[in-house]
PDB file of N, CA and C in Angstrom:
ATOM      1  N   MET A   1       0.849  -1.171   0.001  1.00  0.00           N
ATOM      2  CA  MET A   1       0.021  -0.052   0.021  1.00  0.00           C
ATOM      3  C   MET A   1       0.900   1.244   0.011  1.00  0.00           C
ATOM      4  N   THR A   2       0.617   2.138  -0.899  1.00  0.00           N
ATOM      5  CA  THR A   2       1.509   3.346  -1.039  1.00  0.00           C
ATOM      6  C   THR A   2       1.059   4.528  -0.243  1.00  0.00           C
ATOM      7  N   GLY A   3      -0.151   4.547   0.281  1.00  0.00           N
ATOM      8  CA  GLY A   3      -0.717   5.662   1.017  1.00  0.00           C
ATOM      9  C   GLY A   3      -1.143   6.779   0.137  1.00  0.00           C
ATOM     10  N   TYR A   4      -1.333   6.521  -1.153  1.00  0.00           N
ATOM     11  CA  TYR A   4      -1.745   7.557  -2.084  1.00  0.00           C
ATOM     12  C   TYR A   4      -3.120   8.133  -1.746  1.00  0.00           C
ATOM     13  N   HIS A   5      -4.038   7.247  -1.241  1.00  0.00           N
ATOM     14  CA  HIS A   5      -5.447   7.773  -0.972  1.00  0.00           C
ATOM     15  C   HIS A   5      -5.350   8.743   0.131  1.00  0.00           C
ATOM     16  N   ARG A   6      -4.519   8.454   1.225  1.00  0.00           N
ATOM     17  CA  ARG A   6      -4.416   9.448   2.312  1.00  0.00           C
ATOM     18  C   ARG A   6      -3.792  10.717   1.854  1.00  0.00           C
ATOM     19  N   ARG A   7      -2.762  10.611   0.975  1.00  0.00           N
ATOM     20  CA  ARG A   7      -2.139  11.851   0.444  1.00  0.00           C
ATOM     21  C   ARG A   7      -3.120  12.741  -0.428  1.00  0.00           C
ATOM     22  N   SER A   8      -3.905  11.984  -1.153  1.00  0.00           N
ATOM     23  CA  SER A   8      -4.962  12.717  -1.971  1.00  0.00           C
ATOM     24  C   SER A   8      -5.891  13.444  -1.123  1.00  0.00           C
ATOM     25  N   ILE A   9      -6.338  12.845  -0.065  1.00  0.00           N
ATOM     26  CA  ILE A   9      -7.329  13.463   0.849  1.00  0.00           C
ATOM     27  C   ILE A   9      -6.634  14.697   1.489  1.00  0.00           C
ATOM     28  N   ALA A  10      -5.423  14.584   1.911  1.00  0.00           N
ATOM     29  CA  ALA A  10      -4.700  15.698   2.495  1.00  0.00           C
ATOM     30  C   ALA A  10      -4.534  16.881   1.491  1.00  0.00           C
ATOM     31  N   GLU A  11      -4.131  16.539   0.218  1.00  0.00           N
ATOM     32  CA  GLU A  11      -3.977  17.560  -0.786  1.00  0.00           C
ATOM     33  C   GLU A  11      -5.375  18.220  -1.020  1.00  0.00           C
ATOM     34  N   THR A  12      -6.449  17.503  -1.017  1.00  0.00           N
ATOM     35  CA  THR A  12      -7.789  18.102  -1.256  1.00  0.00           C
ATOM     36  C   THR A  12      -8.115  19.060  -0.128  1.00  0.00           C
ATOM     37  N   ALA A  13      -7.764  18.685   1.114  1.00  0.00           N
ATOM     38  CA  ALA A  13      -8.030  19.492   2.239  1.00  0.00           C
ATOM     39  C   ALA A  13      -7.292  20.777   2.219  1.00  0.00           C
ATOM     40  N   ILE A  14      -5.930  20.729   1.812  1.00  0.00           N
ATOM     41  CA  ILE A  14      -5.191  21.884   1.724  1.00  0.00           C
ATOM     42  C   ILE A  14      -5.721  22.796   0.626  1.00  0.00           C
ATOM     43  N   TYR A  15      -6.106  22.186  -0.439  1.00  0.00           N
ATOM     44  CA  TYR A  15      -6.714  23.051  -1.593  1.00  0.00           C
ATOM     45  C   TYR A  15      -7.861  23.808  -1.100  1.00  0.00           C
ATOM     46  N   ARG A  16      -8.800  23.126  -0.312  1.00  0.00           N
ATOM     47  CA  ARG A  16      -9.994  23.746   0.122  1.00  0.00           C
ATOM     48  C   ARG A  16      -9.638  24.938   1.111  1.00  0.00           C
ATOM     49  N   VAL A  17      -8.679  24.677   1.944  1.00  0.00           N
ATOM     50  CA  VAL A  17      -8.289  25.759   2.880  1.00  0.00           C
ATOM     51  C   VAL A  17      -7.772  26.963   2.155  1.00  0.00           C
ATOM     52  N   LYS A  18      -6.914  26.747   1.093  1.00  0.00           N
ATOM     53  CA  LYS A  18      -6.369  27.876   0.292  1.00  0.00           C
ATOM     54  C   LYS A  18      -7.626  28.504  -0.388  1.00  0.00           C
ATOM     55  N   LYS A  19      -8.507  27.807  -0.889  1.00  0.00           N
ATOM     56  CA  LYS A  19      -9.634  28.445  -1.624  1.00  0.00           C
ATOM     57  C   LYS A  19     -10.454  29.366  -0.630  1.00  0.00           C
ATOM     58  N   LEU A  20     -10.713  28.894   0.564  1.00  0.00           N
ATOM     59  CA  LEU A  20     -11.425  29.600   1.540  1.00  0.00           C
ATOM     60  C   LEU A  20     -10.729  30.827   2.102  1.00  0.00           C
ATOM     61  N   PHE A  21      -9.427  30.656   2.444  1.00  0.00           N
ATOM     62  CA  PHE A  21      -8.737  31.682   3.187  1.00  0.00           C
ATOM     63  C   PHE A  21      -7.642  32.332   2.465  1.00  0.00           C
ATOM     64  N   GLY A  22      -7.470  32.088   1.141  1.00  0.00           N
ATOM     65  CA  GLY A  22      -6.408  32.664   0.364  1.00  0.00           C
ATOM     66  C   GLY A  22      -5.196  31.735   0.348  1.00  0.00           C
ATOM     67  N   GLY A  23      -4.404  31.976  -0.709  1.00  0.00           N
ATOM     68  CA  GLY A  23      -3.228  31.062  -0.896  1.00  0.00           C
ATOM     69  C   GLY A  23      -1.978  31.391  -0.142  1.00  0.00           C
ATOM     70  N   ASN A  24      -2.019  32.555   0.487  1.00  0.00           N
ATOM     71  CA  ASN A  24      -0.769  32.912   1.251  1.00  0.00           C
ATOM     72  C   ASN A  24      -1.062  33.700   2.504  1.00  0.00           C
ATOM     73  N   LEU A  25      -0.060  33.759   3.347  1.00  0.00           N
ATOM     74  CA  LEU A  25      -0.195  34.461   4.627  1.00  0.00           C
ATOM     75  C   LEU A  25       0.124  35.889   4.518  1.00  0.00           C
ATOM     76  N   SER A  26      -0.635  36.780   5.166  1.00  0.00           N
ATOM     77  CA  SER A  26      -0.409  38.218   4.957  1.00  0.00           C
ATOM     78  C   SER A  26       0.587  38.805   5.817  1.00  0.00           C
ATOM     79  N   LEU A  27       1.030  38.265   6.917  1.00  0.00           N
ATOM     80  CA  LEU A  27       2.022  38.822   7.816  1.00  0.00           C
ATOM     81  C   LEU A  27       3.445  38.435   7.462  1.00  0.00           C
ATOM     82  N   ARG A  28       4.325  39.249   7.781  1.00  0.00           N
ATOM     83  CA  ARG A  28       5.745  38.997   7.365  1.00  0.00           C
ATOM     84  C   ARG A  28       6.624  38.270   8.339  1.00  0.00           C
ATOM     85  N   ASP A  29       6.411  38.505   9.595  1.00  0.00           N
ATOM     86  CA  ASP A  29       7.213  37.851  10.637  1.00  0.00           C
ATOM     87  C   ASP A  29       6.851  36.403  10.740  1.00  0.00           C
ATOM     88  N   TYR A  30       7.843  35.541  10.937  1.00  0.00           N
ATOM     89  CA  TYR A  30       7.611  34.094  10.979  1.00  0.00           C
ATOM     90  C   TYR A  30       6.681  33.747  12.150  1.00  0.00           C
ATOM     91  N   ASP A  31       6.945  34.258  13.337  1.00  0.00           N
ATOM     92  CA  ASP A  31       6.110  33.942  14.501  1.00  0.00           C
ATOM     93  C   ASP A  31       4.670  34.373  14.239  1.00  0.00           C
ATOM     94  N   GLU A  32       4.459  35.527  13.662  1.00  0.00           N
ATOM     95  CA  GLU A  32       3.130  36.041  13.319  1.00  0.00           C
ATOM     96  C   GLU A  32       2.416  35.204  12.250  1.00  0.00           C
ATOM     97  N   GLN A  33       3.223  34.623  11.320  1.00  0.00           N
ATOM     98  CA  GLN A  33       2.693  33.728  10.288  1.00  0.00           C
ATOM     99  C   GLN A  33       2.166  32.528  10.954  1.00  0.00           C
ATOM    100  N   VAL A  34       2.957  31.989  11.891  1.00  0.00           N
ATOM    101  CA  VAL A  34       2.587  30.760  12.615  1.00  0.00           C
ATOM    102  C   VAL A  34       1.230  31.063  13.314  1.00  0.00           C
ATOM    103  N   ALA A  35       1.152  32.173  14.061  1.00  0.00           N
ATOM    104  CA  ALA A  35      -0.079  32.560  14.693  1.00  0.00           C
ATOM    105  C   ALA A  35      -1.274  32.622  13.764  1.00  0.00           C
ATOM    106  N   GLU A  36      -1.023  33.227  12.609  1.00  0.00           N
ATOM    107  CA  GLU A  36      -2.036  33.415  11.590  1.00  0.00           C
ATOM    108  C   GLU A  36      -2.522  31.981  11.107  1.00  0.00           C
ATOM    109  N   ALA A  37      -1.650  31.169  10.817  1.00  0.00           N
ATOM    110  CA  ALA A  37      -1.942  29.813  10.392  1.00  0.00           C
ATOM    111  C   ALA A  37      -2.769  29.081  11.437  1.00  0.00           C
ATOM    112  N   MET A  38      -2.433  29.243  12.640  1.00  0.00           N
ATOM    113  CA  MET A  38      -3.068  28.557  13.780  1.00  0.00           C
ATOM    114  C   MET A  38      -4.526  29.106  13.892  1.00  0.00           C
ATOM    115  N   ALA A  39      -4.690  30.440  13.668  1.00  0.00           N
ATOM    116  CA  ALA A  39      -5.974  30.982  13.683  1.00  0.00           C
ATOM    117  C   ALA A  39      -6.856  30.488  12.550  1.00  0.00           C
ATOM    118  N   ILE A  40      -6.245  30.337  11.400  1.00  0.00           N
ATOM    119  CA  ILE A  40      -7.026  29.695  10.294  1.00  0.00           C
ATOM    120  C   ILE A  40      -7.401  28.335  10.558  1.00  0.00           C
ATOM    121  N   ILE A  41      -6.554  27.612  11.200  1.00  0.00           N
ATOM    122  CA  ILE A  41      -6.894  26.161  11.596  1.00  0.00           C
ATOM    123  C   ILE A  41      -8.007  26.175  12.615  1.00  0.00           C
ATOM    124  N   CYS A  42      -8.020  27.058  13.575  1.00  0.00           N
ATOM    125  CA  CYS A  42      -8.984  27.113  14.559  1.00  0.00           C
ATOM    126  C   CYS A  42     -10.398  27.466  13.931  1.00  0.00           C
ATOM    127  N   ILE A  43     -10.375  28.358  12.969  1.00  0.00           N
ATOM    128  CA  ILE A  43     -11.591  28.752  12.232  1.00  0.00           C
ATOM    129  C   ILE A  43     -12.124  27.543  11.394  1.00  0.00           C
ATOM    130  N   LEU A  44     -11.187  26.917  10.803  1.00  0.00           N
ATOM    131  CA  LEU A  44     -11.567  25.751   9.997  1.00  0.00           C
ATOM    132  C   LEU A  44     -12.157  24.615  10.897  1.00  0.00           C
ATOM    133  N   ASN A  45     -11.530  24.383  12.054  1.00  0.00           N
ATOM    134  CA  ASN A  45     -12.040  23.308  12.951  1.00  0.00           C
ATOM    135  C   ASN A  45     -13.464  23.694  13.499  1.00  0.00           C
ATOM    136  N   LYS A  46     -13.742  25.001  13.723  1.00  0.00           N
ATOM    137  CA  LYS A  46     -15.056  25.435  14.134  1.00  0.00           C
ATOM    138  C   LYS A  46     -16.113  25.249  12.982  1.00  0.00           C
ATOM    139  N   MET A  47     -15.680  25.539  11.761  1.00  0.00           N
ATOM    140  CA  MET A  47     -16.530  25.413  10.649  1.00  0.00           C
ATOM    141  C   MET A  47     -16.824  23.850  10.476  1.00  0.00           C
ATOM    142  N   THR A  48     -15.876  23.049  10.634  1.00  0.00           N
ATOM    143  CA  THR A  48     -16.049  21.585  10.499  1.00  0.00           C
ATOM    144  C   THR A  48     -17.017  21.020  11.524  1.00  0.00           C
ATOM    145  N   LEU A  49     -16.833  21.454  12.717  1.00  0.00           N
ATOM    146  CA  LEU A  49     -17.655  21.107  13.860  1.00  0.00           C
ATOM    147  C   LEU A  49     -19.082  21.493  13.676  1.00  0.00           C
ATOM    148  N   ALA A  50     -19.288  22.672  13.077  1.00  0.00           N
ATOM    149  CA  ALA A  50     -20.647  23.255  12.860  1.00  0.00           C
ATOM    150  C   ALA A  50     -21.395  22.408  11.872  1.00  0.00           C
ATOM    151  N   GLY A  51     -20.609  21.741  10.987  1.00  0.00           N
ATOM    152  CA  GLY A  51     -21.209  20.918   9.878  1.00  0.00           C
ATOM    153  C   GLY A  51     -21.500  19.420  10.251  1.00  0.00           C
ATOM    154  N   ILE A  52     -20.934  19.020  11.352  1.00  0.00           N
ATOM    155  CA  ILE A  52     -21.158  17.626  11.818  1.00  0.00           C
ATOM    156  C   ILE A  52     -22.491  17.527  12.562  1.00  0.00           C
ATOM    157  N   PRO A  53     -23.340  16.586  12.174  1.00  0.00           N
ATOM    158  CA  PRO A  53     -24.602  16.467  12.896  1.00  0.00           C
ATOM    159  C   PRO A  53     -24.412  15.839  14.261  1.00  0.00           C
ATOM    160  N   GLU A  54     -25.267  16.142  15.160  1.00  0.00           N
ATOM    161  CA  GLU A  54     -25.221  15.545  16.448  1.00  0.00           C
ATOM    162  C   GLU A  54     -25.968  14.235  16.448  1.00  0.00           C
ATOM    163  N   ASN A  55     -25.346  13.268  17.086  1.00  0.00           N
ATOM    164  CA  ASN A  55     -26.059  11.926  17.132  1.00  0.00           C
ATOM    165  C   ASN A  55     -26.887  11.934  18.458  1.00  0.00           C
ATOM    166  N   ILE A  56     -28.045  11.570  18.413  1.00  0.00           N
ATOM    167  CA  ILE A  56     -28.870  11.391  19.605  1.00  0.00           C
ATOM    168  C   ILE A  56     -29.479  10.013  19.626  1.00  0.00           C
ATOM    169  N   ARG A  57     -29.141   9.304  20.798  1.00  0.00           N
ATOM    170  CA  ARG A  57     -29.645   7.951  20.906  1.00  0.00           C
ATOM    171  C   ARG A  57     -31.069   7.945  21.298  1.00  0.00           C
ATOM    172  N   VAL A  58     -31.859   7.181  20.498  1.00  0.00           N
ATOM    173  CA  VAL A  58     -33.270   7.035  20.859  1.00  0.00           C
ATOM    174  C   VAL A  58     -33.505   5.689  21.599  1.00  0.00           C
ATOM    175  N   ALA A  59     -34.158   5.871  22.757  1.00  0.00           N
ATOM    176  CA  ALA A  59     -34.284   4.691  23.525  1.00  0.00           C
ATOM    177  C   ALA A  59     -35.411   3.791  23.147  1.00  0.00           C
TER     178      ALA A  59
END
């Protein structure tokens, strides 16, 4: 197994992030770029959680 499927999924995810938030970071300092990337990841995680349906067990 080459892991191509997992790589393809990761590449698709990065493509979507770049389309949503732009292809580059706007800040110049490295530490500020890291903080900007982390902020984008936090926003993306919140968007993902908002789209996941809640499972409710029916007795």
